[in-house]
Amino acid sequence: MTIPNVITIVRLILVPLIIVAIAQLEWLAAFAIFAAAGISDAVDGAIARRFDMRSELGAYLDPIADKSLLVSIYVTLAIVGVLPVWIAVLVVSRDLMIVAAIIVSWLMARPIAIKPLLISKLNTTAQIMFAGLLLAAKAFAVVPGPAMAVGLAVVATLTLASTAAYLAIWLKHMAS
């Protein structure tokens, strides 16, 4: 168990805390937990690279922690009415589609290694920034104004583009 893996596990533990904070409309706490999770993500990666503490476990845990956090935030923000339900459904559906494709590939004895694509990294970055914007706006009682519509458009576009890219790779793999 490396230090970066411990930090990632702590980030996983933060997920239920942020869900509770959002559900209870404790916006400052939700924003602070989100910020702590973001900082921990940067720190664990930096430590892993700097001190050569990369591990196979970390390669699995880090994206699980990231996706758990983002999916949970989007769903919970939709439940409390901060986000339109359709964007939460889109974000969750993309991740479920990727997981389902991997499972189907394994079941058909045609395993596929899913590697992060540039569009996927851009998508994750946009999702994080938009979630941070919404949590900060709520925490500090600021109306996001046009940033809300722009954020929704960017997240929706990148989520759809990322979904299409992974689907194309998976279909090509399964057809070969």
C-alpha atoms as a PDB file:
ATOM      1  CA  MET A   1       0.000   0.000   0.000  1.00  0.00           C
ATOM      2  CA  THR A   2       1.669   3.185  -1.206  1.00  0.00           C
ATOM      3  CA  ILE A   3       1.100   6.717   0.080  1.00  0.00           C
ATOM      4  CA  PRO A   4      -0.664   7.734  -3.170  1.00  0.00           C
ATOM      5  CA  ASN A   5      -3.022   4.745  -2.805  1.00  0.00           C
ATOM      6  CA  VAL A   6      -3.854   5.752   0.772  1.00  0.00           C
ATOM      7  CA  ILE A   7      -4.600   9.293  -0.430  1.00  0.00           C
ATOM      8  CA  THR A   8      -6.841   7.889  -3.171  1.00  0.00           C
ATOM      9  CA  ILE A   9      -8.712   5.745  -0.648  1.00  0.00           C
ATOM     10  CA  VAL A  10      -9.262   8.849   1.480  1.00  0.00           C
ATOM     11  CA  ARG A  11     -10.712  10.518  -1.641  1.00  0.00           C
ATOM     12  CA  LEU A  12     -13.115   7.590  -1.988  1.00  0.00           C
ATOM     13  CA  ILE A  13     -14.135   8.070   1.641  1.00  0.00           C
ATOM     14  CA  LEU A  14     -14.914  11.728   0.870  1.00  0.00           C
ATOM     15  CA  VAL A  15     -17.558  10.704  -1.689  1.00  0.00           C
ATOM     16  CA  PRO A  16     -20.336   9.861   0.814  1.00  0.00           C
ATOM     17  CA  LEU A  17     -19.446  12.973   2.817  1.00  0.00           C
ATOM     18  CA  ILE A  18     -19.958  15.257  -0.163  1.00  0.00           C
ATOM     19  CA  ILE A  19     -23.218  13.500  -1.044  1.00  0.00           C
ATOM     20  CA  VAL A  20     -24.529  14.118   2.479  1.00  0.00           C
ATOM     21  CA  ALA A  21     -23.343  17.746   2.424  1.00  0.00           C
ATOM     22  CA  ILE A  22     -25.130  18.395  -0.892  1.00  0.00           C
ATOM     23  CA  ALA A  23     -28.272  16.529   0.200  1.00  0.00           C
ATOM     24  CA  GLN A  24     -28.394  18.651   3.362  1.00  0.00           C
ATOM     25  CA  LEU A  25     -27.732  21.807   1.313  1.00  0.00           C
ATOM     26  CA  GLU A  26     -24.540  22.445   3.269  1.00  0.00           C
ATOM     27  CA  TRP A  27     -22.909  24.156   0.313  1.00  0.00           C
ATOM     28  CA  LEU A  28     -19.778  25.466   1.977  1.00  0.00           C
ATOM     29  CA  ALA A  29     -19.015  22.020   3.379  1.00  0.00           C
ATOM     30  CA  ALA A  30     -19.729  20.427  -0.010  1.00  0.00           C
ATOM     31  CA  PHE A  31     -17.413  22.870  -1.753  1.00  0.00           C
ATOM     32  CA  ALA A  32     -14.671  22.373   0.857  1.00  0.00           C
ATOM     33  CA  ILE A  33     -14.884  18.572   0.539  1.00  0.00           C
ATOM     34  CA  PHE A  34     -14.831  18.879  -3.256  1.00  0.00           C
ATOM     35  CA  ALA A  35     -11.758  21.121  -3.060  1.00  0.00           C
ATOM     36  CA  ALA A  36     -10.052  18.671  -0.687  1.00  0.00           C
ATOM     37  CA  ALA A  37     -10.810  15.818  -3.075  1.00  0.00           C
ATOM     38  CA  GLY A  38      -9.386  17.805  -5.984  1.00  0.00           C
ATOM     39  CA  ILE A  39      -6.234  18.660  -4.088  1.00  0.00           C
ATOM     40  CA  SER A  40      -5.820  15.042  -2.995  1.00  0.00           C
ATOM     41  CA  ASP A  41      -6.112  13.929  -6.627  1.00  0.00           C
ATOM     42  CA  ALA A  42      -3.298  16.259  -7.648  1.00  0.00           C
ATOM     43  CA  VAL A  43      -1.158  15.324  -4.640  1.00  0.00           C
ATOM     44  CA  ASP A  44      -1.462  11.547  -5.039  1.00  0.00           C
ATOM     45  CA  GLY A  45      -0.498  11.781  -8.704  1.00  0.00           C
ATOM     46  CA  ALA A  46       2.434  14.070  -8.010  1.00  0.00           C
ATOM     47  CA  ILE A  47       3.757  11.815  -5.244  1.00  0.00           C
ATOM     48  CA  ALA A  48       3.327   8.702  -7.396  1.00  0.00           C
ATOM     49  CA  ARG A  49       5.288  10.264 -10.266  1.00  0.00           C
ATOM     50  CA  ARG A  50       7.944  12.051  -8.214  1.00  0.00           C
ATOM     51  CA  PHE A  51       8.806   9.135  -5.944  1.00  0.00           C
ATOM     52  CA  ASP A  52       8.082   6.368  -8.476  1.00  0.00           C
ATOM     53  CA  MET A  53       5.196   5.005  -6.389  1.00  0.00           C
ATOM     54  CA  ARG A  54       2.966   4.131  -9.324  1.00  0.00           C
ATOM     55  CA  SER A  55       1.144   0.868  -8.803  1.00  0.00           C
ATOM     56  CA  GLU A  56      -1.367  -1.346 -10.564  1.00  0.00           C
ATOM     57  CA  LEU A  57      -3.775  -0.839  -7.663  1.00  0.00           C
ATOM     58  CA  GLY A  58      -3.409   2.928  -8.012  1.00  0.00           C
ATOM     59  CA  ALA A  59      -4.060   2.697 -11.748  1.00  0.00           C
ATOM     60  CA  TYR A  60      -7.468   1.179 -10.911  1.00  0.00           C
ATOM     61  CA  LEU A  61      -8.276   3.137  -7.746  1.00  0.00           C
ATOM     62  CA  ASP A  62      -7.591   6.637  -9.085  1.00  0.00           C
ATOM     63  CA  PRO A  63     -10.132   6.606 -11.932  1.00  0.00           C
ATOM     64  CA  ILE A  64     -12.653   4.798  -9.691  1.00  0.00           C
ATOM     65  CA  ALA A  65     -12.294   7.566  -7.101  1.00  0.00           C
ATOM     66  CA  ASP A  66     -12.580  10.267  -9.764  1.00  0.00           C
ATOM     67  CA  LYS A  67     -15.661   8.762 -11.385  1.00  0.00           C
ATOM     68  CA  SER A  68     -17.301   7.948  -8.050  1.00  0.00           C
ATOM     69  CA  LEU A  69     -16.909  11.558  -7.018  1.00  0.00           C
ATOM     70  CA  LEU A  70     -18.148  13.060 -10.283  1.00  0.00           C
ATOM     71  CA  VAL A  71     -21.074  10.702 -10.797  1.00  0.00           C
ATOM     72  CA  SER A  72     -22.161  11.147  -7.181  1.00  0.00           C
ATOM     73  CA  ILE A  73     -21.973  14.919  -7.393  1.00  0.00           C
ATOM     74  CA  TYR A  74     -23.890  15.120 -10.669  1.00  0.00           C
ATOM     75  CA  VAL A  75     -26.633  12.769  -9.485  1.00  0.00           C
ATOM     76  CA  THR A  76     -26.971  14.487  -6.120  1.00  0.00           C
ATOM     77  CA  LEU A  77     -26.992  17.977  -7.663  1.00  0.00           C
ATOM     78  CA  ALA A  78     -29.755  16.811 -10.009  1.00  0.00           C
ATOM     79  CA  ILE A  79     -31.750  15.322  -7.123  1.00  0.00           C
ATOM     80  CA  VAL A  80     -31.628  18.590  -5.151  1.00  0.00           C
ATOM     81  CA  GLY A  81     -32.576  20.574  -8.278  1.00  0.00           C
ATOM     82  CA  VAL A  82     -29.307  22.408  -8.943  1.00  0.00           C
ATOM     83  CA  LEU A  83     -28.678  20.584 -12.219  1.00  0.00           C
ATOM     84  CA  PRO A  84     -31.123  19.421 -14.866  1.00  0.00           C
ATOM     85  CA  VAL A  85     -31.698  15.674 -14.575  1.00  0.00           C
ATOM     86  CA  TRP A  86     -30.764  15.105 -18.228  1.00  0.00           C
ATOM     87  CA  ILE A  87     -27.125  16.127 -17.682  1.00  0.00           C
ATOM     88  CA  ALA A  88     -26.764  13.744 -14.739  1.00  0.00           C
ATOM     89  CA  VAL A  89     -28.307  10.964 -16.840  1.00  0.00           C
ATOM     90  CA  LEU A  90     -25.896  11.750 -19.683  1.00  0.00           C
ATOM     91  CA  VAL A  91     -22.829  11.718 -17.408  1.00  0.00           C
ATOM     92  CA  VAL A  92     -23.869   8.476 -15.695  1.00  0.00           C
ATOM     93  CA  SER A  93     -24.905   6.793 -18.956  1.00  0.00           C
ATOM     94  CA  ARG A  94     -21.517   7.430 -20.527  1.00  0.00           C
ATOM     95  CA  ASP A  95     -19.703   5.745 -17.656  1.00  0.00           C
ATOM     96  CA  LEU A  96     -22.163   2.838 -17.562  1.00  0.00           C
ATOM     97  CA  MET A  97     -21.752   2.358 -21.324  1.00  0.00           C
ATOM     98  CA  ILE A  98     -17.975   2.132 -20.959  1.00  0.00           C
ATOM     99  CA  VAL A  99     -18.208  -0.351 -18.084  1.00  0.00           C
ATOM    100  CA  ALA A 100     -20.826  -2.416 -19.953  1.00  0.00           C
ATOM    101  CA  ALA A 101     -18.630  -2.516 -23.075  1.00  0.00           C
ATOM    102  CA  ILE A 102     -15.678  -3.777 -21.036  1.00  0.00           C
ATOM    103  CA  ILE A 103     -17.816  -6.454 -19.372  1.00  0.00           C
ATOM    104  CA  VAL A 104     -19.303  -7.613 -22.680  1.00  0.00           C
ATOM    105  CA  SER A 105     -15.797  -7.788 -24.158  1.00  0.00           C
ATOM    106  CA  TRP A 106     -14.627  -9.977 -21.267  1.00  0.00           C
ATOM    107  CA  LEU A 107     -17.714 -12.195 -21.455  1.00  0.00           C
ATOM    108  CA  MET A 108     -17.099 -12.716 -25.159  1.00  0.00           C
ATOM    109  CA  ALA A 109     -13.414 -13.543 -24.491  1.00  0.00           C
ATOM    110  CA  ARG A 110     -12.370 -10.410 -26.376  1.00  0.00           C
ATOM    111  CA  PRO A 111     -11.030  -8.218 -23.565  1.00  0.00           C
ATOM    112  CA  ILE A 112     -10.290  -4.642 -24.432  1.00  0.00           C
ATOM    113  CA  ALA A 113      -7.944  -2.293 -22.630  1.00  0.00           C
ATOM    114  CA  ILE A 114      -9.596   1.089 -22.318  1.00  0.00           C
ATOM    115  CA  LYS A 115      -7.022   3.852 -22.277  1.00  0.00           C
ATOM    116  CA  PRO A 116      -7.893   7.468 -21.527  1.00  0.00           C
ATOM    117  CA  LEU A 117      -8.389   9.469 -24.708  1.00  0.00           C
ATOM    118  CA  LEU A 118      -7.698  13.193 -25.038  1.00  0.00           C
ATOM    119  CA  ILE A 119     -11.431  13.835 -25.468  1.00  0.00           C
ATOM    120  CA  SER A 120     -12.061  11.844 -22.298  1.00  0.00           C
ATOM    121  CA  LYS A 121      -9.528  13.900 -20.347  1.00  0.00           C
ATOM    122  CA  LEU A 122     -11.117  17.099 -21.657  1.00  0.00           C
ATOM    123  CA  ASN A 123     -14.533  15.733 -20.688  1.00  0.00           C
ATOM    124  CA  THR A 124     -13.428  14.892 -17.155  1.00  0.00           C
ATOM    125  CA  THR A 125     -11.796  18.310 -16.790  1.00  0.00           C
ATOM    126  CA  ALA A 126     -14.985  20.054 -17.965  1.00  0.00           C
ATOM    127  CA  GLN A 127     -17.131  17.955 -15.615  1.00  0.00           C
ATOM    128  CA  ILE A 128     -14.871  18.775 -12.656  1.00  0.00           C
ATOM    129  CA  MET A 129     -14.752  22.495 -13.472  1.00  0.00           C
ATOM    130  CA  PHE A 130     -18.518  22.686 -13.920  1.00  0.00           C
ATOM    131  CA  ALA A 131     -19.203  20.814 -10.672  1.00  0.00           C
ATOM    132  CA  GLY A 132     -16.724  23.102  -8.905  1.00  0.00           C
ATOM    133  CA  LEU A 133     -18.397  26.169 -10.392  1.00  0.00           C
ATOM    134  CA  LEU A 134     -21.833  25.051  -9.219  1.00  0.00           C
ATOM    135  CA  LEU A 135     -20.643  24.124  -5.731  1.00  0.00           C
ATOM    136  CA  ALA A 136     -18.718  27.401  -5.398  1.00  0.00           C
ATOM    137  CA  ALA A 137     -21.711  29.407  -6.633  1.00  0.00           C
ATOM    138  CA  LYS A 138     -23.914  27.753  -4.015  1.00  0.00           C
ATOM    139  CA  ALA A 139     -21.285  28.002  -1.263  1.00  0.00           C
ATOM    140  CA  PHE A 140     -20.701  31.713  -1.823  1.00  0.00           C
ATOM    141  CA  ALA A 141     -24.269  32.650  -2.889  1.00  0.00           C
ATOM    142  CA  VAL A 142     -23.265  33.717  -6.392  1.00  0.00           C
ATOM    143  CA  VAL A 143     -25.576  33.298  -9.368  1.00  0.00           C
ATOM    144  CA  PRO A 144     -23.657  31.455 -12.117  1.00  0.00           C
ATOM    145  CA  GLY A 145     -25.587  33.340 -14.828  1.00  0.00           C
ATOM    146  CA  PRO A 146     -24.512  32.484 -18.388  1.00  0.00           C
ATOM    147  CA  ALA A 147     -21.746  30.221 -17.027  1.00  0.00           C
ATOM    148  CA  MET A 148     -24.506  27.715 -16.214  1.00  0.00           C
ATOM    149  CA  ALA A 149     -25.672  27.450 -19.831  1.00  0.00           C
ATOM    150  CA  VAL A 150     -22.109  27.422 -21.162  1.00  0.00           C
ATOM    151  CA  GLY A 151     -21.067  24.762 -18.630  1.00  0.00           C
ATOM    152  CA  LEU A 152     -24.051  22.586 -19.488  1.00  0.00           C
ATOM    153  CA  ALA A 153     -23.319  22.890 -23.220  1.00  0.00           C
ATOM    154  CA  VAL A 154     -19.617  22.124 -22.829  1.00  0.00           C
ATOM    155  CA  VAL A 155     -20.176  19.158 -20.504  1.00  0.00           C
ATOM    156  CA  ALA A 156     -22.949  17.738 -22.704  1.00  0.00           C
ATOM    157  CA  THR A 157     -20.911  18.138 -25.898  1.00  0.00           C
ATOM    158  CA  LEU A 158     -17.728  16.629 -24.474  1.00  0.00           C
ATOM    159  CA  THR A 159     -19.624  13.803 -22.756  1.00  0.00           C
ATOM    160  CA  LEU A 160     -21.345  12.889 -26.037  1.00  0.00           C
ATOM    161  CA  ALA A 161     -18.088  13.166 -27.989  1.00  0.00           C
ATOM    162  CA  SER A 162     -16.247  11.012 -25.463  1.00  0.00           C
ATOM    163  CA  THR A 163     -19.046   8.440 -25.514  1.00  0.00           C
ATOM    164  CA  ALA A 164     -18.929   8.299 -29.304  1.00  0.00           C
ATOM    165  CA  ALA A 165     -15.136   7.943 -29.338  1.00  0.00           C
ATOM    166  CA  TYR A 166     -15.120   5.047 -26.885  1.00  0.00           C
ATOM    167  CA  LEU A 167     -18.048   3.389 -28.649  1.00  0.00           C
ATOM    168  CA  ALA A 168     -16.212   3.626 -31.996  1.00  0.00           C
ATOM    169  CA  ILE A 169     -13.075   2.062 -30.490  1.00  0.00           C
ATOM    170  CA  TRP A 170     -15.108  -0.716 -28.873  1.00  0.00           C
ATOM    171  CA  LEU A 171     -17.086  -1.473 -32.055  1.00  0.00           C
ATOM    172  CA  LYS A 172     -13.869  -1.606 -34.098  1.00  0.00           C
ATOM    173  CA  HIS A 173     -12.311  -3.924 -31.524  1.00  0.00           C
ATOM    174  CA  MET A 174     -15.325  -6.229 -31.448  1.00  0.00           C
ATOM    175  CA  ALA A 175     -15.542  -6.346 -35.257  1.00  0.00           C
ATOM    176  CA  SER A 176     -11.875  -7.256 -35.728  1.00  0.00           C
END
